[in-house]
């Protein structure tokens, strides 16, 4: 029985309460990434991750995740529960699969569903940048928000191409050109930086 539980745990998809970040409807996109926190809305959702941790998780609304939360909350165990999910339990997900959820996560989901539950904590632009880089757990960016950060026009994650001044064009090596572009993009985005070259 322990071996079967270990095998089921390894294949089970983890479930977590997350904050989703979407652009507000009718609000223009920010001109700079530093202003993004004024242009987004934050909502609770439930993420079900697949076997590939780097892939975007499947998101459920709190109402859609109610059957999972109630099933775990009704269990007498206090550790992580492995539930076999069927199509009738979560019709939008389809098929059969196993999920893992602890009682605390189930209670957090049920608390977030209450009418007077507090909204997700606000996220500053730097926190949203960290989320875009994958450094903040339990924050899932809408694809449009992630694309905003990834865009070379923003120049924050992927550097925007910057033409070298004529004075430097024939002096810098290729890796130094990249460093120059990185410096210019950081300066345009209001970030300080130091680039050291001992040559």
C-alpha atoms as a PDB file:
ATOM      1  CA  UNK A   1       0.000   0.000   0.000  1.00  0.00           C
ATOM      2  CA  UNK A   2       2.859   2.401   0.820  1.00  0.00           C
ATOM      3  CA  UNK A   3       4.468   1.742  -2.588  1.00  0.00           C
ATOM      4  CA  UNK A   4       1.183   2.472  -4.377  1.00  0.00           C
ATOM      5  CA  UNK A   5       0.760   5.691  -2.366  1.00  0.00           C
ATOM      6  CA  UNK A   6       4.318   6.784  -3.257  1.00  0.00           C
ATOM      7  CA  UNK A   7       3.652   6.077  -6.949  1.00  0.00           C
ATOM      8  CA  UNK A   8       0.326   7.947  -6.844  1.00  0.00           C
ATOM      9  CA  UNK A   9       1.934  10.903  -5.053  1.00  0.00           C
ATOM     10  CA  UNK A  10       4.626  11.166  -7.742  1.00  0.00           C
ATOM     11  CA  UNK A  11       2.018  11.306 -10.522  1.00  0.00           C
ATOM     12  CA  UNK A  12      -0.445  13.557  -8.716  1.00  0.00           C
ATOM     13  CA  UNK A  13      -0.794  17.132  -9.899  1.00  0.00           C
ATOM     14  CA  UNK A  14      -0.280  19.682  -7.110  1.00  0.00           C
ATOM     15  CA  UNK A  15      -3.142  22.076  -6.401  1.00  0.00           C
ATOM     16  CA  UNK A  16      -2.611  25.553  -4.943  1.00  0.00           C
ATOM     17  CA  UNK A  17      -4.488  28.777  -4.327  1.00  0.00           C
ATOM     18  CA  UNK A  18      -2.833  31.431  -6.496  1.00  0.00           C
ATOM     19  CA  UNK A  19      -3.151  35.079  -7.394  1.00  0.00           C
ATOM     20  CA  UNK A  20      -3.851  35.653 -11.079  1.00  0.00           C
ATOM     21  CA  UNK A  21      -2.761  38.898 -12.705  1.00  0.00           C
ATOM     22  CA  UNK A  22      -4.667  40.252 -15.728  1.00  0.00           C
ATOM     23  CA  UNK A  23      -4.765  43.594 -17.480  1.00  0.00           C
ATOM     24  CA  UNK A  24      -7.827  45.650 -16.578  1.00  0.00           C
ATOM     25  CA  UNK A  25     -10.432  45.908 -19.298  1.00  0.00           C
ATOM     26  CA  UNK A  26     -10.552  49.295 -21.005  1.00  0.00           C
ATOM     27  CA  UNK A  27      -7.274  50.495 -19.461  1.00  0.00           C
ATOM     28  CA  UNK A  28      -4.423  51.225 -21.894  1.00  0.00           C
ATOM     29  CA  UNK A  29      -1.202  49.276 -21.508  1.00  0.00           C
ATOM     30  CA  UNK A  30       1.436  51.073 -19.470  1.00  0.00           C
ATOM     31  CA  UNK A  31       4.199  52.929 -21.267  1.00  0.00           C
ATOM     32  CA  UNK A  32       6.811  51.487 -18.892  1.00  0.00           C
ATOM     33  CA  UNK A  33       6.899  48.304 -16.825  1.00  0.00           C
ATOM     34  CA  UNK A  34       7.189  50.390 -13.625  1.00  0.00           C
ATOM     35  CA  UNK A  35       3.571  51.506 -14.122  1.00  0.00           C
ATOM     36  CA  UNK A  36       2.089  48.041 -14.638  1.00  0.00           C
ATOM     37  CA  UNK A  37       0.704  47.653 -11.107  1.00  0.00           C
ATOM     38  CA  UNK A  38      -1.838  50.417 -11.879  1.00  0.00           C
ATOM     39  CA  UNK A  39      -3.060  48.601 -15.000  1.00  0.00           C
ATOM     40  CA  UNK A  40      -3.708  45.096 -13.663  1.00  0.00           C
ATOM     41  CA  UNK A  41      -6.337  43.384 -11.593  1.00  0.00           C
ATOM     42  CA  UNK A  42      -5.609  40.597  -9.103  1.00  0.00           C
ATOM     43  CA  UNK A  43      -7.974  37.695  -8.478  1.00  0.00           C
ATOM     44  CA  UNK A  44      -7.934  34.414  -6.631  1.00  0.00           C
ATOM     45  CA  UNK A  45      -7.775  31.216  -8.675  1.00  0.00           C
ATOM     46  CA  UNK A  46      -6.772  27.614  -8.165  1.00  0.00           C
ATOM     47  CA  UNK A  47      -3.826  26.269 -10.134  1.00  0.00           C
ATOM     48  CA  UNK A  48      -3.430  22.620 -11.049  1.00  0.00           C
ATOM     49  CA  UNK A  49       0.097  22.024 -12.247  1.00  0.00           C
ATOM     50  CA  UNK A  50       0.966  19.300 -14.720  1.00  0.00           C
ATOM     51  CA  UNK A  51       3.982  16.995 -14.738  1.00  0.00           C
ATOM     52  CA  UNK A  52       6.035  19.710 -16.452  1.00  0.00           C
ATOM     53  CA  UNK A  53       6.690  22.298 -13.716  1.00  0.00           C
ATOM     54  CA  UNK A  54       7.764  24.935 -16.251  1.00  0.00           C
ATOM     55  CA  UNK A  55       4.464  24.754 -18.158  1.00  0.00           C
ATOM     56  CA  UNK A  56       1.641  27.148 -17.402  1.00  0.00           C
ATOM     57  CA  UNK A  57      -0.754  25.552 -14.883  1.00  0.00           C
ATOM     58  CA  UNK A  58      -4.423  24.936 -15.581  1.00  0.00           C
ATOM     59  CA  UNK A  59      -6.465  27.568 -13.764  1.00  0.00           C
ATOM     60  CA  UNK A  60      -9.836  27.083 -12.148  1.00  0.00           C
ATOM     61  CA  UNK A  61     -12.089  29.690 -10.596  1.00  0.00           C
ATOM     62  CA  UNK A  62     -12.804  29.283  -6.905  1.00  0.00           C
ATOM     63  CA  UNK A  63     -16.305  28.054  -7.723  1.00  0.00           C
ATOM     64  CA  UNK A  64     -14.946  25.450 -10.160  1.00  0.00           C
ATOM     65  CA  UNK A  65     -12.524  24.152  -7.523  1.00  0.00           C
ATOM     66  CA  UNK A  66     -15.192  23.789  -4.821  1.00  0.00           C
ATOM     67  CA  UNK A  67     -15.626  20.017  -5.279  1.00  0.00           C
ATOM     68  CA  UNK A  68     -11.890  19.463  -4.700  1.00  0.00           C
ATOM     69  CA  UNK A  69     -11.771  21.677  -1.622  1.00  0.00           C
ATOM     70  CA  UNK A  70     -14.840  20.045  -0.072  1.00  0.00           C
ATOM     71  CA  UNK A  71     -13.537  16.532  -0.811  1.00  0.00           C
ATOM     72  CA  UNK A  72     -10.211  17.241   0.933  1.00  0.00           C
ATOM     73  CA  UNK A  73     -11.824  19.184   3.777  1.00  0.00           C
ATOM     74  CA  UNK A  74     -14.143  16.237   4.524  1.00  0.00           C
ATOM     75  CA  UNK A  75     -11.195  13.825   4.819  1.00  0.00           C
ATOM     76  CA  UNK A  76      -9.964  12.965   8.313  1.00  0.00           C
ATOM     77  CA  UNK A  77      -6.291  13.055   7.298  1.00  0.00           C
ATOM     78  CA  UNK A  78      -4.141  16.095   8.065  1.00  0.00           C
ATOM     79  CA  UNK A  79      -1.410  15.344   5.529  1.00  0.00           C
ATOM     80  CA  UNK A  80      -1.521  15.739   1.775  1.00  0.00           C
ATOM     81  CA  UNK A  81      -4.475  13.957   0.222  1.00  0.00           C
ATOM     82  CA  UNK A  82      -4.341  12.280  -3.159  1.00  0.00           C
ATOM     83  CA  UNK A  83      -7.667  12.523  -4.962  1.00  0.00           C
ATOM     84  CA  UNK A  84      -8.635  10.738  -8.123  1.00  0.00           C
ATOM     85  CA  UNK A  85     -10.410  13.378 -10.208  1.00  0.00           C
ATOM     86  CA  UNK A  86     -12.978  12.337 -12.757  1.00  0.00           C
ATOM     87  CA  UNK A  87     -14.624  14.276 -15.548  1.00  0.00           C
ATOM     88  CA  UNK A  88     -17.838  14.767 -13.571  1.00  0.00           C
ATOM     89  CA  UNK A  89     -15.921  16.357 -10.669  1.00  0.00           C
ATOM     90  CA  UNK A  90     -14.117  18.902 -12.887  1.00  0.00           C
ATOM     91  CA  UNK A  91     -15.799  18.776 -16.303  1.00  0.00           C
ATOM     92  CA  UNK A  92     -13.693  21.642 -17.692  1.00  0.00           C
ATOM     93  CA  UNK A  93     -10.498  19.610 -17.112  1.00  0.00           C
ATOM     94  CA  UNK A  94     -11.757  16.400 -18.742  1.00  0.00           C
ATOM     95  CA  UNK A  95     -10.445  12.884 -18.228  1.00  0.00           C
ATOM     96  CA  UNK A  96      -9.157  11.194 -15.081  1.00  0.00           C
ATOM     97  CA  UNK A  97      -6.078  12.259 -13.147  1.00  0.00           C
ATOM     98  CA  UNK A  98      -4.781  12.464  -9.602  1.00  0.00           C
ATOM     99  CA  UNK A  99      -4.292  15.692  -7.665  1.00  0.00           C
ATOM    100  CA  UNK A 100      -2.547  16.344  -4.378  1.00  0.00           C
ATOM    101  CA  UNK A 101      -3.926  18.871  -1.927  1.00  0.00           C
ATOM    102  CA  UNK A 102      -3.471  19.291   1.801  1.00  0.00           C
ATOM    103  CA  UNK A 103      -6.192  20.314   4.209  1.00  0.00           C
ATOM    104  CA  UNK A 104      -4.675  23.798   4.668  1.00  0.00           C
ATOM    105  CA  UNK A 105      -4.908  24.476   0.912  1.00  0.00           C
ATOM    106  CA  UNK A 106      -8.518  23.269   0.887  1.00  0.00           C
ATOM    107  CA  UNK A 107      -9.331  25.569   3.820  1.00  0.00           C
ATOM    108  CA  UNK A 108      -7.582  28.513   2.111  1.00  0.00           C
ATOM    109  CA  UNK A 109      -9.712  27.955  -1.002  1.00  0.00           C
ATOM    110  CA  UNK A 110     -12.918  27.753   1.041  1.00  0.00           C
ATOM    111  CA  UNK A 111     -11.988  30.925   2.999  1.00  0.00           C
ATOM    112  CA  UNK A 112     -11.253  32.809  -0.248  1.00  0.00           C
ATOM    113  CA  UNK A 113     -14.735  31.866  -1.502  1.00  0.00           C
ATOM    114  CA  UNK A 114     -16.537  33.565   1.387  1.00  0.00           C
ATOM    115  CA  UNK A 115     -18.439  36.731   0.424  1.00  0.00           C
ATOM    116  CA  UNK A 116     -16.346  38.995   2.679  1.00  0.00           C
ATOM    117  CA  UNK A 117     -13.030  37.301   2.023  1.00  0.00           C
ATOM    118  CA  UNK A 118     -10.140  39.709   1.491  1.00  0.00           C
ATOM    119  CA  UNK A 119      -8.818  40.069  -2.062  1.00  0.00           C
ATOM    120  CA  UNK A 120      -5.253  39.026  -2.885  1.00  0.00           C
ATOM    121  CA  UNK A 121      -2.532  41.268  -1.471  1.00  0.00           C
ATOM    122  CA  UNK A 122      -1.533  44.047  -3.877  1.00  0.00           C
ATOM    123  CA  UNK A 123       1.608  43.441  -5.927  1.00  0.00           C
ATOM    124  CA  UNK A 124       4.020  46.245  -6.728  1.00  0.00           C
ATOM    125  CA  UNK A 125       5.620  46.451 -10.176  1.00  0.00           C
ATOM    126  CA  UNK A 126       8.852  44.867  -8.890  1.00  0.00           C
ATOM    127  CA  UNK A 127       6.895  41.907  -7.500  1.00  0.00           C
ATOM    128  CA  UNK A 128       5.176  41.538 -10.876  1.00  0.00           C
ATOM    129  CA  UNK A 129       8.569  41.637 -12.599  1.00  0.00           C
ATOM    130  CA  UNK A 130       9.795  38.873 -10.282  1.00  0.00           C
ATOM    131  CA  UNK A 131       6.655  36.871 -11.121  1.00  0.00           C
ATOM    132  CA  UNK A 132       7.367  37.342 -14.846  1.00  0.00           C
ATOM    133  CA  UNK A 133      10.849  35.933 -14.235  1.00  0.00           C
ATOM    134  CA  UNK A 134       9.374  32.943 -12.364  1.00  0.00           C
ATOM    135  CA  UNK A 135      10.749  33.972  -8.968  1.00  0.00           C
ATOM    136  CA  UNK A 136       7.430  34.378  -7.115  1.00  0.00           C
ATOM    137  CA  UNK A 137       5.406  31.342  -6.145  1.00  0.00           C
ATOM    138  CA  UNK A 138       1.623  31.295  -6.295  1.00  0.00           C
ATOM    139  CA  UNK A 139       1.367  34.218  -8.710  1.00  0.00           C
ATOM    140  CA  UNK A 140       0.280  33.356 -12.251  1.00  0.00           C
ATOM    141  CA  UNK A 141       0.442  36.017 -14.943  1.00  0.00           C
ATOM    142  CA  UNK A 142      -2.095  36.098 -17.734  1.00  0.00           C
ATOM    143  CA  UNK A 143      -0.353  35.451 -21.093  1.00  0.00           C
ATOM    144  CA  UNK A 144      -0.880  39.102 -22.127  1.00  0.00           C
ATOM    145  CA  UNK A 145       0.862  40.313 -18.959  1.00  0.00           C
ATOM    146  CA  UNK A 146       3.731  37.849 -19.457  1.00  0.00           C
ATOM    147  CA  UNK A 147       4.038  38.947 -23.103  1.00  0.00           C
ATOM    148  CA  UNK A 148       4.236  42.563 -21.953  1.00  0.00           C
ATOM    149  CA  UNK A 149       7.286  41.743 -19.811  1.00  0.00           C
ATOM    150  CA  UNK A 150       8.836  39.481 -22.464  1.00  0.00           C
ATOM    151  CA  UNK A 151       8.491  42.036 -25.248  1.00  0.00           C
ATOM    152  CA  UNK A 152      11.741  43.549 -26.493  1.00  0.00           C
ATOM    153  CA  UNK A 153       9.863  46.858 -26.677  1.00  0.00           C
ATOM    154  CA  UNK A 154       9.666  46.842 -22.894  1.00  0.00           C
ATOM    155  CA  UNK A 155      13.330  45.848 -22.791  1.00  0.00           C
ATOM    156  CA  UNK A 156      13.142  44.447 -19.298  1.00  0.00           C
ATOM    157  CA  UNK A 157      13.498  40.686 -19.816  1.00  0.00           C
ATOM    158  CA  UNK A 158      14.702  40.611 -23.414  1.00  0.00           C
ATOM    159  CA  UNK A 159      16.944  43.525 -24.258  1.00  0.00           C
ATOM    160  CA  UNK A 160      15.773  45.844 -26.993  1.00  0.00           C
ATOM    161  CA  UNK A 161      18.362  46.253 -29.751  1.00  0.00           C
ATOM    162  CA  UNK A 162      20.258  49.510 -29.338  1.00  0.00           C
ATOM    163  CA  UNK A 163      22.470  50.931 -32.075  1.00  0.00           C
ATOM    164  CA  UNK A 164      26.033  51.552 -30.982  1.00  0.00           C
ATOM    165  CA  UNK A 165      27.369  55.102 -31.227  1.00  0.00           C
ATOM    166  CA  UNK A 166      29.845  55.574 -34.104  1.00  0.00           C
ATOM    167  CA  UNK A 167      32.651  56.154 -31.603  1.00  0.00           C
ATOM    168  CA  UNK A 168      32.205  52.631 -30.150  1.00  0.00           C
ATOM    169  CA  UNK A 169      31.141  50.728 -33.252  1.00  0.00           C
ATOM    170  CA  UNK A 170      34.640  49.499 -34.227  1.00  0.00           C
ATOM    171  CA  UNK A 171      36.096  49.270 -30.724  1.00  0.00           C
ATOM    172  CA  UNK A 172      33.753  46.953 -28.811  1.00  0.00           C
ATOM    173  CA  UNK A 173      33.822  43.193 -29.055  1.00  0.00           C
ATOM    174  CA  UNK A 174      30.498  41.313 -29.510  1.00  0.00           C
ATOM    175  CA  UNK A 175      30.141  40.447 -25.828  1.00  0.00           C
ATOM    176  CA  UNK A 176      30.867  44.096 -24.952  1.00  0.00           C
ATOM    177  CA  UNK A 177      28.151  45.216 -27.380  1.00  0.00           C
ATOM    178  CA  UNK A 178      25.697  42.974 -25.499  1.00  0.00           C
ATOM    179  CA  UNK A 179      26.845  44.564 -22.252  1.00  0.00           C
ATOM    180  CA  UNK A 180      26.320  48.038 -23.706  1.00  0.00           C
ATOM    181  CA  UNK A 181      22.783  47.106 -24.816  1.00  0.00           C
ATOM    182  CA  UNK A 182      22.069  45.689 -21.363  1.00  0.00           C
ATOM    183  CA  UNK A 183      23.268  48.930 -19.726  1.00  0.00           C
ATOM    184  CA  UNK A 184      21.156  51.127 -22.014  1.00  0.00           C
ATOM    185  CA  UNK A 185      18.028  48.998 -21.514  1.00  0.00           C
ATOM    186  CA  UNK A 186      18.462  49.037 -17.743  1.00  0.00           C
ATOM    187  CA  UNK A 187      18.952  52.818 -17.761  1.00  0.00           C
ATOM    188  CA  UNK A 188      15.788  53.264 -19.892  1.00  0.00           C
ATOM    189  CA  UNK A 189      13.856  51.121 -17.402  1.00  0.00           C
ATOM    190  CA  UNK A 190      15.091  53.087 -14.389  1.00  0.00           C
ATOM    191  CA  UNK A 191      17.362  50.342 -13.111  1.00  0.00           C
ATOM    192  CA  UNK A 192      20.861  50.992 -11.898  1.00  0.00           C
ATOM    193  CA  UNK A 193      23.624  48.646 -12.963  1.00  0.00           C
ATOM    194  CA  UNK A 194      27.374  48.140 -13.014  1.00  0.00           C
ATOM    195  CA  UNK A 195      29.197  46.425 -15.829  1.00  0.00           C
ATOM    196  CA  UNK A 196      32.782  45.431 -15.065  1.00  0.00           C
ATOM    197  CA  UNK A 197      35.293  44.560 -17.760  1.00  0.00           C
ATOM    198  CA  UNK A 198      38.877  43.968 -16.666  1.00  0.00           C
ATOM    199  CA  UNK A 199      40.372  44.083 -20.150  1.00  0.00           C
END
